[in-house]
């Protein structure tokens, strides 16, 4: 099967969905996961989302 459309949704985002994660401060990571941090909804990276989920 063809995989031509994989990741198509993040191509439409600014900078391809990449930026600085507000939690771990890493640069150039994909910010795809919306999470509430300090009372604000922000987009965070995959590793921070997993860390927050495992702490619960």
PDB file of N, CA and C in Angstrom:
ATOM      1  N   UNK A   1       0.829  -1.186   0.000  1.00  0.00           N
ATOM      2  CA  UNK A   1       0.000   0.000   0.000  1.00  0.00           C
ATOM      3  C   UNK A   1       0.873   1.249   0.000  1.00  0.00           C
ATOM      4  N   UNK A   2       0.348   2.282  -0.612  1.00  0.00           N
ATOM      5  CA  UNK A   2       1.070   3.537  -0.718  1.00  0.00           C
ATOM      6  C   UNK A   2       1.029   4.307   0.599  1.00  0.00           C
ATOM      7  N   UNK A   3       2.100   5.009   0.883  1.00  0.00           N
ATOM      8  CA  UNK A   3       2.176   5.816   2.097  1.00  0.00           C
ATOM      9  C   UNK A   3       2.429   7.280   1.740  1.00  0.00           C
ATOM     10  N   UNK A   4       1.845   7.718   0.636  1.00  0.00           N
ATOM     11  CA  UNK A   4       2.097   9.067   0.120  1.00  0.00           C
ATOM     12  C   UNK A   4       1.499  10.156   0.997  1.00  0.00           C
ATOM     13  N   UNK A   5       0.469   9.844   1.766  1.00  0.00           N
ATOM     14  CA  UNK A   5      -0.231  10.883   2.524  1.00  0.00           C
ATOM     15  C   UNK A   5       0.134  10.870   4.002  1.00  0.00           C
ATOM     16  N   UNK A   6       1.131  10.118   4.374  1.00  0.00           N
ATOM     17  CA  UNK A   6       1.516  10.056   5.781  1.00  0.00           C
ATOM     18  C   UNK A   6       2.109  11.398   6.213  1.00  0.00           C
ATOM     19  N   UNK A   7       1.594  11.958   7.294  1.00  0.00           N
ATOM     20  CA  UNK A   7       2.094  13.229   7.798  1.00  0.00           C
ATOM     21  C   UNK A   7       1.562  14.437   7.053  1.00  0.00           C
ATOM     22  N   UNK A   8       0.545  14.255   6.234  1.00  0.00           N
ATOM     23  CA  UNK A   8       0.021  15.356   5.420  1.00  0.00           C
ATOM     24  C   UNK A   8      -0.543  16.481   6.294  1.00  0.00           C
ATOM     25  N   UNK A   9      -1.157  16.129   7.417  1.00  0.00           N
ATOM     26  CA  UNK A   9      -1.780  17.124   8.281  1.00  0.00           C
ATOM     27  C   UNK A   9      -0.805  18.085   8.919  1.00  0.00           C
ATOM     28  N   UNK A  10       0.425  17.637   9.203  1.00  0.00           N
ATOM     29  CA  UNK A  10       1.378  18.539   9.843  1.00  0.00           C
ATOM     30  C   UNK A  10       2.088  19.427   8.833  1.00  0.00           C
ATOM     31  N   UNK A  11       1.976  19.097   7.569  1.00  0.00           N
ATOM     32  CA  UNK A  11       2.573  19.948   6.542  1.00  0.00           C
ATOM     33  C   UNK A  11       1.872  21.282   6.429  1.00  0.00           C
ATOM     34  N   UNK A  12       0.601  21.311   6.819  1.00  0.00           N
ATOM     35  CA  UNK A  12      -0.175  22.541   6.748  1.00  0.00           C
ATOM     36  C   UNK A  12       0.109  23.481   7.911  1.00  0.00           C
ATOM     37  N   UNK A  13       0.665  22.962   8.998  1.00  0.00           N
ATOM     38  CA  UNK A  13       0.958  23.789  10.172  1.00  0.00           C
ATOM     39  C   UNK A  13       2.168  24.678   9.918  1.00  0.00           C
ATOM     40  N   UNK A  14       2.294  25.724  10.705  1.00  0.00           N
ATOM     41  CA  UNK A  14       3.438  26.624  10.577  1.00  0.00           C
ATOM     42  C   UNK A  14       4.725  25.867  10.908  1.00  0.00           C
ATOM     43  N   UNK A  15       5.733  26.011  10.100  1.00  0.00           N
ATOM     44  CA  UNK A  15       7.039  25.350  10.246  1.00  0.00           C
ATOM     45  C   UNK A  15       6.919  23.830  10.283  1.00  0.00           C
ATOM     46  N   UNK A  16       5.892  23.292   9.654  1.00  0.00           N
ATOM     47  CA  UNK A  16       5.714  21.846   9.627  1.00  0.00           C
ATOM     48  C   UNK A  16       5.396  21.267  10.988  1.00  0.00           C
ATOM     49  N   UNK A  17       4.858  22.093  11.883  1.00  0.00           N
ATOM     50  CA  UNK A  17       4.508  21.613  13.218  1.00  0.00           C
ATOM     51  C   UNK A  17       5.676  21.583  14.179  1.00  0.00           C
ATOM     52  N   UNK A  18       6.801  22.155  13.780  1.00  0.00           N
ATOM     53  CA  UNK A  18       7.990  22.123  14.625  1.00  0.00           C
ATOM     54  C   UNK A  18       8.186  23.441  15.363  1.00  0.00           C
ATOM     55  N   UNK A  19       8.837  23.352  16.512  1.00  0.00           N
ATOM     56  CA  UNK A  19       9.106  24.542  17.297  1.00  0.00           C
ATOM     57  C   UNK A  19       9.816  24.179  18.588  1.00  0.00           C
ATOM     58  N   UNK A  20       9.689  25.036  19.588  1.00  0.00           N
ATOM     59  CA  UNK A  20      10.318  24.821  20.896  1.00  0.00           C
ATOM     60  C   UNK A  20       9.249  24.327  21.861  1.00  0.00           C
ATOM     61  N   UNK A  21       9.501  23.186  22.472  1.00  0.00           N
ATOM     62  CA  UNK A  21       8.560  22.630  23.437  1.00  0.00           C
ATOM     63  C   UNK A  21       8.576  23.493  24.701  1.00  0.00           C
ATOM     64  N   UNK A  22       7.399  23.942  25.174  1.00  0.00           N
ATOM     65  CA  UNK A  22       7.365  24.805  26.359  1.00  0.00           C
ATOM     66  C   UNK A  22       7.691  24.073  27.663  1.00  0.00           C
ATOM     67  N   UNK A  23       7.659  22.750  27.663  1.00  0.00           N
ATOM     68  CA  UNK A  23       7.924  21.987  28.881  1.00  0.00           C
ATOM     69  C   UNK A  23       9.409  21.673  29.017  1.00  0.00           C
ATOM     70  N   UNK A  24       9.996  21.044  27.984  1.00  0.00           N
ATOM     71  CA  UNK A  24      11.400  20.615  28.077  1.00  0.00           C
ATOM     72  C   UNK A  24      12.366  21.581  27.389  1.00  0.00           C
ATOM     73  N   UNK A  25      11.845  22.581  26.693  1.00  0.00           N
ATOM     74  CA  UNK A  25      12.635  23.629  26.029  1.00  0.00           C
ATOM     75  C   UNK A  25      13.518  23.108  24.892  1.00  0.00           C
ATOM     76  N   UNK A  26      13.215  21.915  24.354  1.00  0.00           N
ATOM     77  CA  UNK A  26      13.985  21.415  23.215  1.00  0.00           C
ATOM     78  C   UNK A  26      13.537  22.132  21.950  1.00  0.00           C
ATOM     79  N   UNK A  27      14.469  22.344  21.042  1.00  0.00           N
ATOM     80  CA  UNK A  27      14.216  23.107  19.827  1.00  0.00           C
ATOM     81  C   UNK A  27      14.115  22.166  18.631  1.00  0.00           C
ATOM     82  N   UNK A  28      13.218  22.480  17.696  1.00  0.00           N
ATOM     83  CA  UNK A  28      13.107  21.726  16.456  1.00  0.00           C
ATOM     84  C   UNK A  28      12.354  20.419  16.579  1.00  0.00           C
ATOM     85  N   UNK A  29      11.560  20.243  17.621  1.00  0.00           N
ATOM     86  CA  UNK A  29      10.780  19.020  17.781  1.00  0.00           C
ATOM     87  C   UNK A  29       9.357  19.270  17.301  1.00  0.00           C
ATOM     88  N   UNK A  30       8.655  18.188  16.929  1.00  0.00           N
ATOM     89  CA  UNK A  30       7.271  18.310  16.484  1.00  0.00           C
ATOM     90  C   UNK A  30       6.373  18.547  17.697  1.00  0.00           C
ATOM     91  N   UNK A  31       5.568  19.576  17.619  1.00  0.00           N
ATOM     92  CA  UNK A  31       4.641  19.927  18.697  1.00  0.00           C
ATOM     93  C   UNK A  31       3.236  19.552  18.240  1.00  0.00           C
ATOM     94  N   UNK A  32       2.832  18.322  18.522  1.00  0.00           N
ATOM     95  CA  UNK A  32       1.588  17.798  17.987  1.00  0.00           C
ATOM     96  C   UNK A  32       0.537  17.515  19.041  1.00  0.00           C
ATOM     97  N   UNK A  33       0.898  17.519  20.309  1.00  0.00           N
ATOM     98  CA  UNK A  33      -0.013  17.064  21.349  1.00  0.00           C
ATOM     99  C   UNK A  33      -0.467  18.237  22.205  1.00  0.00           C
ATOM    100  N   UNK A  34      -1.779  18.460  22.254  1.00  0.00           N
ATOM    101  CA  UNK A  34      -2.330  19.560  23.033  1.00  0.00           C
ATOM    102  C   UNK A  34      -2.539  19.082  24.468  1.00  0.00           C
ATOM    103  N   UNK A  35      -2.000  19.828  25.414  1.00  0.00           N
ATOM    104  CA  UNK A  35      -2.047  19.453  26.828  1.00  0.00           C
ATOM    105  C   UNK A  35      -2.234  20.711  27.658  1.00  0.00           C
ATOM    106  N   UNK A  36      -2.885  20.577  28.795  1.00  0.00           N
ATOM    107  CA  UNK A  36      -3.051  21.713  29.688  1.00  0.00           C
ATOM    108  C   UNK A  36      -1.874  21.748  30.654  1.00  0.00           C
ATOM    109  N   UNK A  37      -1.102  22.829  30.586  1.00  0.00           N
ATOM    110  CA  UNK A  37       0.068  23.012  31.437  1.00  0.00           C
ATOM    111  C   UNK A  37      -0.067  24.364  32.120  1.00  0.00           C
ATOM    112  N   UNK A  38      -0.051  24.367  33.437  1.00  0.00           N
ATOM    113  CA  UNK A  38      -0.189  25.594  34.228  1.00  0.00           C
ATOM    114  C   UNK A  38      -1.447  26.384  33.870  1.00  0.00           C
ATOM    115  N   UNK A  39      -2.544  25.676  33.625  1.00  0.00           N
ATOM    116  CA  UNK A  39      -3.815  26.329  33.336  1.00  0.00           C
ATOM    117  C   UNK A  39      -3.979  26.816  31.915  1.00  0.00           C
ATOM    118  N   UNK A  40      -2.991  26.568  31.041  1.00  0.00           N
ATOM    119  CA  UNK A  40      -3.071  26.992  29.650  1.00  0.00           C
ATOM    120  C   UNK A  40      -2.986  25.769  28.752  1.00  0.00           C
ATOM    121  N   UNK A  41      -3.726  25.793  27.638  1.00  0.00           N
ATOM    122  CA  UNK A  41      -3.619  24.717  26.660  1.00  0.00           C
ATOM    123  C   UNK A  41      -2.467  25.049  25.722  1.00  0.00           C
ATOM    124  N   UNK A  42      -1.463  24.200  25.699  1.00  0.00           N
ATOM    125  CA  UNK A  42      -0.297  24.398  24.838  1.00  0.00           C
ATOM    126  C   UNK A  42      -0.020  23.103  24.086  1.00  0.00           C
ATOM    127  N   UNK A  43       0.719  23.222  22.991  1.00  0.00           N
ATOM    128  CA  UNK A  43       1.134  22.043  22.241  1.00  0.00           C
ATOM    129  C   UNK A  43       2.518  21.636  22.719  1.00  0.00           C
ATOM    130  N   UNK A  44       2.676  20.338  23.035  1.00  0.00           N
ATOM    131  CA  UNK A  44       3.932  19.833  23.563  1.00  0.00           C
ATOM    132  C   UNK A  44       4.430  18.676  22.705  1.00  0.00           C
ATOM    133  N   UNK A  45       5.674  18.255  22.940  1.00  0.00           N
ATOM    134  CA  UNK A  45       6.270  17.170  22.168  1.00  0.00           C
ATOM    135  C   UNK A  45       5.815  15.808  22.701  1.00  0.00           C
ATOM    136  N   UNK A  46       6.163  14.775  21.966  1.00  0.00           N
ATOM    137  CA  UNK A  46       5.732  13.416  22.279  1.00  0.00           C
ATOM    138  C   UNK A  46       6.315  12.909  23.597  1.00  0.00           C
ATOM    139  N   UNK A  47       7.568  13.199  23.858  1.00  0.00           N
ATOM    140  CA  UNK A  47       8.196  12.700  25.085  1.00  0.00           C
ATOM    141  C   UNK A  47       7.622  13.373  26.326  1.00  0.00           C
ATOM    142  N   UNK A  48       7.296  14.647  26.229  1.00  0.00           N
ATOM    143  CA  UNK A  48       6.694  15.346  27.373  1.00  0.00           C
ATOM    144  C   UNK A  48       5.276  14.847  27.623  1.00  0.00           C
ATOM    145  N   UNK A  49       4.558  14.541  26.567  1.00  0.00           N
ATOM    146  CA  UNK A  49       3.206  14.008  26.725  1.00  0.00           C
ATOM    147  C   UNK A  49       3.257  12.660  27.426  1.00  0.00           C
ATOM    148  N   UNK A  50       4.199  11.809  27.048  1.00  0.00           N
ATOM    149  CA  UNK A  50       4.346  10.496  27.685  1.00  0.00           C
ATOM    150  C   UNK A  50       4.764  10.638  29.138  1.00  0.00           C
ATOM    151  N   UNK A  51       5.639  11.592  29.432  1.00  0.00           N
ATOM    152  CA  UNK A  51       6.083  11.819  30.799  1.00  0.00           C
ATOM    153  C   UNK A  51       4.922  12.272  31.677  1.00  0.00           C
ATOM    154  N   UNK A  52       4.107  13.175  31.171  1.00  0.00           N
ATOM    155  CA  UNK A  52       2.967  13.664  31.929  1.00  0.00           C
ATOM    156  C   UNK A  52       1.953  12.542  32.141  1.00  0.00           C
ATOM    157  N   UNK A  53       1.725  11.720  31.110  1.00  0.00           N
ATOM    158  CA  UNK A  53       0.764  10.608  31.225  1.00  0.00           C
ATOM    159  C   UNK A  53       1.242   9.555  32.221  1.00  0.00           C
ATOM    160  N   UNK A  54       2.534   9.313  32.286  1.00  0.00           N
ATOM    161  CA  UNK A  54       3.072   8.302  33.200  1.00  0.00           C
ATOM    162  C   UNK A  54       3.095   8.776  34.642  1.00  0.00           C
ATOM    163  N   UNK A  55       3.096  10.081  34.865  1.00  0.00           N
ATOM    164  CA  UNK A  55       3.098  10.624  36.231  1.00  0.00           C
ATOM    165  C   UNK A  55       1.728  10.515  36.881  1.00  0.00           C
ATOM    166  N   UNK A  56       0.668  10.413  36.067  1.00  0.00           N
ATOM    167  CA  UNK A  56      -0.696  10.348  36.615  1.00  0.00           C
ATOM    168  C   UNK A  56      -0.971   9.010  37.241  1.00  0.00           C
TER     169      UNK A  56
END
